[in-house]
Protein backbone atom coordinates (compact mmCIF):
# COMPACT_ATOMS: atom_id res chain seq x y z
CA MET A 1 0.00 0.00 0.00
CA GLN A 2 1.45 3.36 -1.00
CA ASP A 3 2.27 5.69 1.93
CA LEU A 4 0.34 8.89 1.22
CA GLY A 5 -0.20 10.10 4.80
CA VAL A 6 0.82 13.60 5.87
CA SER A 7 0.81 13.46 9.67
CA GLU A 8 0.86 10.52 12.03
CA ASP A 9 -1.65 12.34 14.26
CA THR A 10 -4.20 12.87 11.48
CA ILE A 11 -7.34 10.74 11.52
CA TYR A 12 -8.88 10.03 8.14
CA LEU A 13 -12.52 9.30 7.37
CA GLY A 14 -13.48 7.46 4.20
CA VAL A 15 -17.14 7.42 3.15
CA ASP A 16 -18.70 5.52 0.26
CA GLY A 17 -22.36 6.42 -0.24
CA GLY A 18 -24.67 4.82 -2.79
CA GLY A 19 -28.31 4.19 -3.47
CA THR A 20 -28.66 1.51 -0.79
CA LYS A 21 -25.93 1.97 1.83
CA CYS A 22 -23.45 4.43 3.23
CA ARG A 23 -20.25 2.92 4.60
CA ALA A 24 -17.70 4.83 6.67
CA ILE A 25 -14.26 3.94 8.01
CA LEU A 26 -11.81 5.77 10.25
CA THR A 27 -8.12 5.15 9.69
CA THR A 28 -4.73 6.30 10.87
CA ALA A 29 -2.34 7.99 8.43
CA ASP A 30 -0.98 4.59 7.37
CA ARG A 31 -4.57 3.49 6.67
CA ARG A 32 -4.93 1.17 9.61
CA VAL A 33 -8.70 0.89 10.14
CA ILE A 34 -9.75 1.89 13.67
CA GLY A 35 -13.52 2.16 13.25
CA THR A 36 -16.34 1.34 10.84
CA GLY A 37 -19.98 2.32 10.46
CA VAL A 38 -22.91 1.67 8.12
CA ALA A 39 -26.08 3.64 7.44
CA GLY A 40 -28.82 3.91 4.82
CA PRO A 41 -28.90 5.41 1.31
CA ALA A 42 -26.59 8.33 0.55
CA ASN A 43 -27.34 9.49 -2.98
CA PRO A 44 -27.98 13.26 -2.72
CA PHE A 45 -29.63 13.32 -6.14
CA LEU A 46 -32.41 11.19 -4.66
CA GLY A 47 -32.52 13.05 -1.35
CA GLN A 48 -29.88 15.43 -0.07
CA ALA A 49 -31.15 15.55 3.52
CA GLN A 50 -31.18 11.76 3.71
CA ALA A 51 -27.67 11.55 2.22
CA ILE A 52 -26.27 13.96 4.81
CA ASP A 53 -28.10 12.11 7.59
CA SER A 54 -26.66 8.79 6.40
CA ILE A 55 -23.13 10.25 6.36
CA ARG A 56 -23.61 11.52 9.91
CA THR A 57 -25.05 8.22 11.12
CA ALA A 58 -22.29 6.09 9.53
CA THR A 59 -19.62 8.48 10.81
CA ASP A 60 -21.02 8.46 14.34
CA ALA A 61 -21.00 4.67 14.29
CA ALA A 62 -17.37 4.65 13.11
CA ILE A 63 -16.39 7.16 15.81
CA SER A 64 -18.05 5.00 18.46
CA ASP A 65 -16.46 1.85 17.08
CA ALA A 66 -13.04 3.52 17.30
CA GLY A 67 -13.61 4.47 20.93
CA LEU A 68 -13.50 8.17 20.07
CA HIS A 69 -15.90 11.04 20.73
CA ARG A 70 -17.71 13.49 18.47
CA ASP A 71 -15.26 16.20 19.53
CA ASP A 72 -12.58 14.19 17.73
CA LEU A 73 -14.27 14.99 14.39
CA SER A 74 -12.56 18.39 14.51
CA ARG A 75 -9.25 16.65 13.76
CA VAL A 76 -10.59 14.38 11.04
CA VAL A 77 -9.76 14.78 7.34
CA ALA A 78 -12.69 13.34 5.41
CA GLY A 79 -12.85 11.90 1.93
CA ILE A 80 -16.46 11.43 0.85
CA GLY A 81 -17.59 9.69 -2.34
CA LEU A 82 -21.29 9.78 -3.15
CA ALA A 83 -23.47 8.59 -5.99
CA GLY A 84 -24.98 11.49 -7.92
CA LEU A 85 -22.10 13.92 -7.38
CA ASN A 86 -21.19 13.77 -11.08
CA LEU A 87 -24.19 16.12 -11.53
CA PRO A 88 -22.82 19.68 -11.04
CA GLU A 89 -25.76 21.18 -9.15
CA VAL A 90 -25.98 18.18 -6.84
CA HIS A 91 -22.25 18.42 -6.13
CA ALA A 92 -22.42 22.16 -5.41
CA ALA A 93 -25.39 21.84 -3.06
CA THR A 94 -23.92 18.89 -1.17
CA ALA A 95 -20.44 20.41 -0.83
CA ASP A 96 -22.13 23.42 0.84
CA TRP A 97 -22.87 21.23 3.87
CA GLN A 98 -21.58 22.69 7.15
CA HIS A 99 -19.60 19.60 8.05
CA PRO A 100 -17.91 18.98 11.42
CA PHE A 101 -14.53 17.89 10.02
CA ALA A 102 -11.18 19.66 9.96
CA HIS A 103 -11.21 19.26 6.18
CA MET A 104 -13.61 17.58 3.77
CA PHE A 105 -12.95 16.54 0.18
CA MET A 106 -15.95 15.35 -1.80
CA THR A 107 -16.19 13.47 -5.10
CA THR A 108 -18.20 10.74 -6.78
CA ASP A 109 -18.54 7.21 -5.47
CA LEU A 110 -17.06 6.10 -8.79
CA GLU A 111 -13.80 7.94 -8.24
CA VAL A 112 -13.30 6.67 -4.69
CA GLY A 113 -14.16 3.19 -5.93
CA CYS A 114 -11.49 3.52 -8.60
CA TYR A 115 -8.93 4.88 -6.11
CA GLY A 116 -9.61 1.93 -3.83
CA ALA A 117 -9.60 -0.73 -6.52
CA HIS A 118 -6.23 0.40 -7.84
CA ASP A 119 -4.60 1.77 -4.66
CA GLY A 120 -4.61 5.35 -5.91
CA GLY A 121 -3.09 4.44 -9.27
CA ASP A 122 -4.50 4.47 -12.78
CA GLY A 123 -7.27 2.01 -13.56
CA ALA A 124 -10.93 1.52 -14.30
CA ILE A 125 -13.98 0.13 -12.53
CA ILE A 126 -17.49 -0.94 -13.43
CA VAL A 127 -20.06 -0.71 -10.64
CA VAL A 128 -23.08 -3.02 -10.69
CA GLY A 129 -25.13 -2.42 -7.57
CA THR A 130 -28.38 -0.55 -7.05
CA GLY A 131 -27.31 1.38 -10.14
CA SER A 132 -24.61 0.77 -12.72
CA SER A 133 -21.87 2.89 -14.23
CA GLY A 134 -18.20 2.93 -15.09
CA CYS A 135 -15.14 5.06 -14.43
CA ALA A 136 -11.55 5.19 -15.65
CA ILE A 137 -8.83 7.36 -14.13
CA VAL A 138 -5.75 7.58 -16.32
CA GLY A 139 -3.06 10.24 -16.06
CA GLY A 140 -5.14 12.29 -13.66
CA LYS A 141 -8.11 12.45 -16.04
CA SER A 142 -11.45 10.82 -15.22
CA LEU A 143 -13.85 9.23 -17.69
CA ILE A 144 -17.30 8.49 -16.26
CA ILE A 145 -19.71 6.35 -18.25
CA SER A 146 -23.46 5.77 -17.87
CA ALA A 147 -23.79 7.50 -14.48
CA TYR A 148 -27.15 9.08 -15.26
CA GLY A 149 -29.08 7.63 -12.36
CA PHE A 150 -32.30 5.72 -12.24
CA MET A 151 -34.75 6.34 -15.14
CA PHE A 152 -32.08 7.66 -17.52
CA GLY A 153 -29.26 5.16 -16.96
CA ASP A 154 -28.29 2.42 -14.54
CA ILE A 155 -28.88 -0.36 -17.07
CA CYS A 156 -28.11 -3.69 -15.36
CA GLY A 157 -28.26 -2.08 -11.93
CA GLY A 158 -30.52 -3.69 -9.36
CA ALA A 159 -33.24 -1.04 -9.69
CA TRP A 160 -33.29 -1.42 -13.48
CA ILE A 161 -33.52 -5.21 -13.16
CA GLY A 162 -36.35 -4.81 -10.65
CA VAL A 163 -38.34 -2.56 -12.98
CA GLU A 164 -37.78 -4.91 -15.90
CA ALA A 165 -39.07 -7.79 -13.77
CA ILE A 166 -42.23 -5.88 -12.84
CA ARG A 167 -42.82 -4.92 -16.49
CA ALA A 168 -42.46 -8.55 -17.52
CA VAL A 169 -44.91 -9.69 -14.84
CA LEU A 170 -47.49 -7.07 -15.82
CA LEU A 171 -47.18 -7.91 -19.53
CA ALA A 172 -47.62 -11.60 -18.76
CA ASN A 173 -50.62 -10.73 -16.59
CA ASP A 174 -52.27 -8.98 -19.57
CA GLY A 175 -51.49 -11.83 -21.94
CA LEU A 176 -49.10 -9.60 -23.88
CA GLY A 177 -45.88 -11.17 -22.68
CA GLU A 178 -44.42 -14.61 -22.18
CA LYS A 179 -45.39 -16.47 -19.03
CA THR A 180 -42.63 -16.40 -16.47
CA SER A 181 -41.78 -17.76 -13.05
CA LEU A 182 -41.09 -14.14 -12.10
CA THR A 183 -44.83 -13.66 -11.66
CA GLU A 184 -45.00 -15.87 -8.59
CA ALA A 185 -41.61 -14.71 -7.30
CA VAL A 186 -42.42 -10.99 -7.58
CA ASP A 187 -45.97 -11.38 -6.25
CA ARG A 188 -44.64 -13.24 -3.24
CA SER A 189 -41.81 -10.80 -2.64
CA ILE A 190 -43.93 -7.64 -2.56
CA SER A 191 -47.19 -9.26 -1.40
CA ALA A 192 -49.18 -7.90 -4.34
CA THR A 193 -50.57 -9.01 -7.70
CA GLY A 194 -51.75 -7.28 -10.87
CA ASN A 195 -52.75 -3.63 -10.42
CA ALA A 196 -51.80 -3.84 -6.74
CA ILE A 197 -48.17 -4.16 -7.85
CA VAL A 198 -48.42 -0.75 -9.51
CA GLU A 199 -50.04 0.79 -6.44
CA LYS A 200 -47.40 -0.64 -4.15
CA MET A 201 -44.30 0.02 -6.25
CA ALA A 202 -45.12 3.22 -8.18
CA ASN A 203 -43.23 5.38 -5.70
CA ALA A 204 -40.63 2.81 -4.71
CA ARG A 205 -37.07 4.03 -4.24
CA PRO A 206 -34.31 2.46 -6.36
CA SER A 207 -33.08 0.53 -3.31
CA GLU A 208 -36.54 -1.06 -2.91
CA LEU A 209 -36.72 -2.02 -6.58
CA ALA A 210 -33.20 -3.45 -6.38
CA ARG A 211 -34.38 -6.02 -3.84
CA LEU A 212 -36.08 -7.84 -6.73
CA ALA A 213 -32.83 -8.28 -8.66
CA GLY A 214 -31.80 -11.44 -6.83
CA LEU A 215 -35.10 -13.08 -7.82
CA VAL A 216 -34.39 -12.36 -11.48
CA PHE A 217 -30.91 -13.87 -11.31
CA GLU A 218 -32.35 -16.94 -9.56
CA ALA A 219 -35.02 -17.35 -12.24
CA ALA A 220 -32.46 -16.87 -15.02
CA ASP A 221 -30.14 -19.45 -13.50
CA ALA A 222 -33.10 -21.84 -13.36
CA GLY A 223 -33.72 -21.34 -17.09
CA ASP A 224 -36.64 -18.91 -17.12
CA ALA A 225 -36.59 -17.35 -20.61
CA VAL A 226 -37.94 -13.93 -19.57
CA ALA A 227 -35.52 -13.55 -16.68
CA THR A 228 -32.67 -14.77 -18.88
CA GLU A 229 -33.41 -12.10 -21.47
CA ILE A 230 -33.42 -9.35 -18.82
CA ILE A 231 -30.04 -10.42 -17.46
CA ARG A 232 -28.57 -10.88 -20.94
CA ARG A 233 -29.60 -7.34 -21.93
CA GLY A 234 -28.05 -6.00 -18.76
CA ALA A 235 -24.83 -7.96 -19.25
CA LYS A 236 -24.55 -6.76 -22.84
CA HIS A 237 -24.64 -3.18 -21.55
CA VAL A 238 -21.89 -3.93 -19.03
CA ASP A 239 -19.80 -5.42 -21.86
CA ALA A 240 -20.27 -2.18 -23.82
CA VAL A 241 -19.28 -0.05 -20.81
CA ALA A 242 -16.13 -2.14 -20.37
CA ALA A 243 -15.21 -1.76 -24.04
CA ARG A 244 -15.64 2.02 -23.82
CA LEU A 245 -13.51 2.24 -20.66
CA TRP A 246 -10.71 0.20 -22.24
CA GLN A 247 -10.46 2.93 -24.89
CA ALA A 248 -9.05 5.19 -22.15
CA LYS A 249 -6.18 2.67 -21.85
CA PRO A 250 -6.35 1.91 -18.10
CA PRO A 251 -3.78 -0.67 -16.98
CA ALA A 252 -6.43 -2.71 -15.12
CA MET A 253 -10.20 -2.93 -14.62
CA SER A 254 -12.25 -4.24 -11.69
CA ILE A 255 -15.95 -4.75 -11.10
CA LEU A 256 -17.59 -3.53 -7.89
CA GLY A 257 -21.06 -3.43 -6.36
CA GLY A 258 -23.51 -5.75 -4.70
CA LEU A 259 -24.37 -7.60 -7.93
CA ARG A 260 -20.80 -8.06 -9.14
CA GLU A 261 -20.58 -11.78 -8.39
CA LEU A 262 -23.97 -12.45 -9.96
CA ILE A 263 -23.33 -10.59 -13.23
CA VAL A 264 -19.79 -11.75 -14.04
CA PRO A 265 -20.86 -15.25 -15.26
CA TRP A 266 -23.21 -13.53 -17.74
CA LEU A 267 -20.58 -11.25 -19.24
CA ASP A 268 -18.80 -11.89 -22.51
CA LYS A 269 -15.81 -14.17 -21.90
CA GLU A 270 -13.37 -11.53 -23.14
CA THR A 271 -14.83 -8.92 -20.79
CA ALA A 272 -14.73 -11.26 -17.79
CA SER A 273 -11.21 -12.53 -18.52
CA LYS A 274 -9.74 -9.02 -18.35
CA LEU A 275 -11.18 -8.16 -14.94
CA THR A 276 -8.91 -8.15 -11.91
CA PRO A 277 -9.95 -8.17 -8.23
CA PRO A 278 -10.05 -4.74 -6.57
CA LYS A 279 -7.13 -4.12 -4.22
CA TYR A 280 -9.12 -2.24 -1.60
CA SER A 281 -12.67 -1.15 -0.83
CA PRO A 282 -14.21 2.16 -1.98
CA GLU A 283 -14.06 3.38 1.64
CA ILE A 284 -10.28 2.95 1.58
CA GLY A 285 -10.37 4.67 -1.80
CA ALA A 286 -12.09 7.63 -0.13
CA VAL A 287 -9.25 7.76 2.40
CA VAL A 288 -6.69 7.66 -0.44
CA TYR A 289 -8.55 10.51 -2.13
CA ALA A 290 -8.59 12.55 1.10
CA GLN A 291 -4.87 11.99 1.61
CA HIS A 292 -4.07 13.13 -1.93
CA LYS A 293 -6.20 16.25 -1.59
CA TYR A 294 -4.97 17.09 1.92
CA ARG A 295 -1.34 16.76 0.90
CA LYS A 296 -1.88 19.10 -2.04
CA LEU A 297 -3.64 21.57 0.29
CA LEU A 298 -0.66 21.58 2.65
CA GLU A 299 1.82 21.90 -0.19
CA ALA A 300 -0.05 24.94 -1.53
CA ALA A 301 -0.16 26.63 1.89
């Protein structure tokens, strides 16, 4: 692990916030983890107040786990990576937060994921979790692909898979689509059938829709044609994202996210064969990012 710390007394906070969870870690300057915490969704595009609350909750848990007190936050250098921060207005509004840290450096969850996967070096990642997207960092330049959020992007993400499953069930219910084992699985999962599915899920958050993704993978693995087609379409998109990222010439590429192990067997063999395991977690990547930014701040002072 590269030594990027500035002061042995500095405490670093690394936060990785996505559509389902917010994870936080506290580390020493040499990145020895001293505390961890987990909270709910932290995508400010979907709810800024909730994202800030999740950061606070996860941070408080990490502080407690480390045996520290809230007063210690005043000597913490924080690196925070959140989904949705690739949108300029979302980034500006979130960075305006009156945080309790000595210093805070904020970027996208994709960049901290990439920093973690490749230990601060050049590389690329594909994230397949609640949403889906890709990022390459090469020579200090970032390329972000397909990070448009639910409704406009996130193809192959859990929320997208969940919506596709509901659509398939409703089409089958009307006699307009192929019969599928997803009907029983989805009905059972959300305790609703037919029009009641629409009433129950119309205002569902991406994290709620993503809970259906596992059912679709299970049905596809069991040979259900409708589920198989959904997963194949998603995997084809991931293959395309990988091909686009390779054009940036990263030395390595990793896949991250809660659905990573489920989607890899469905990817094109060439795509899958080029993937390498991430070196560290996105939370560590957030610490790496904070260390880089803090060192530059001190050098400029």
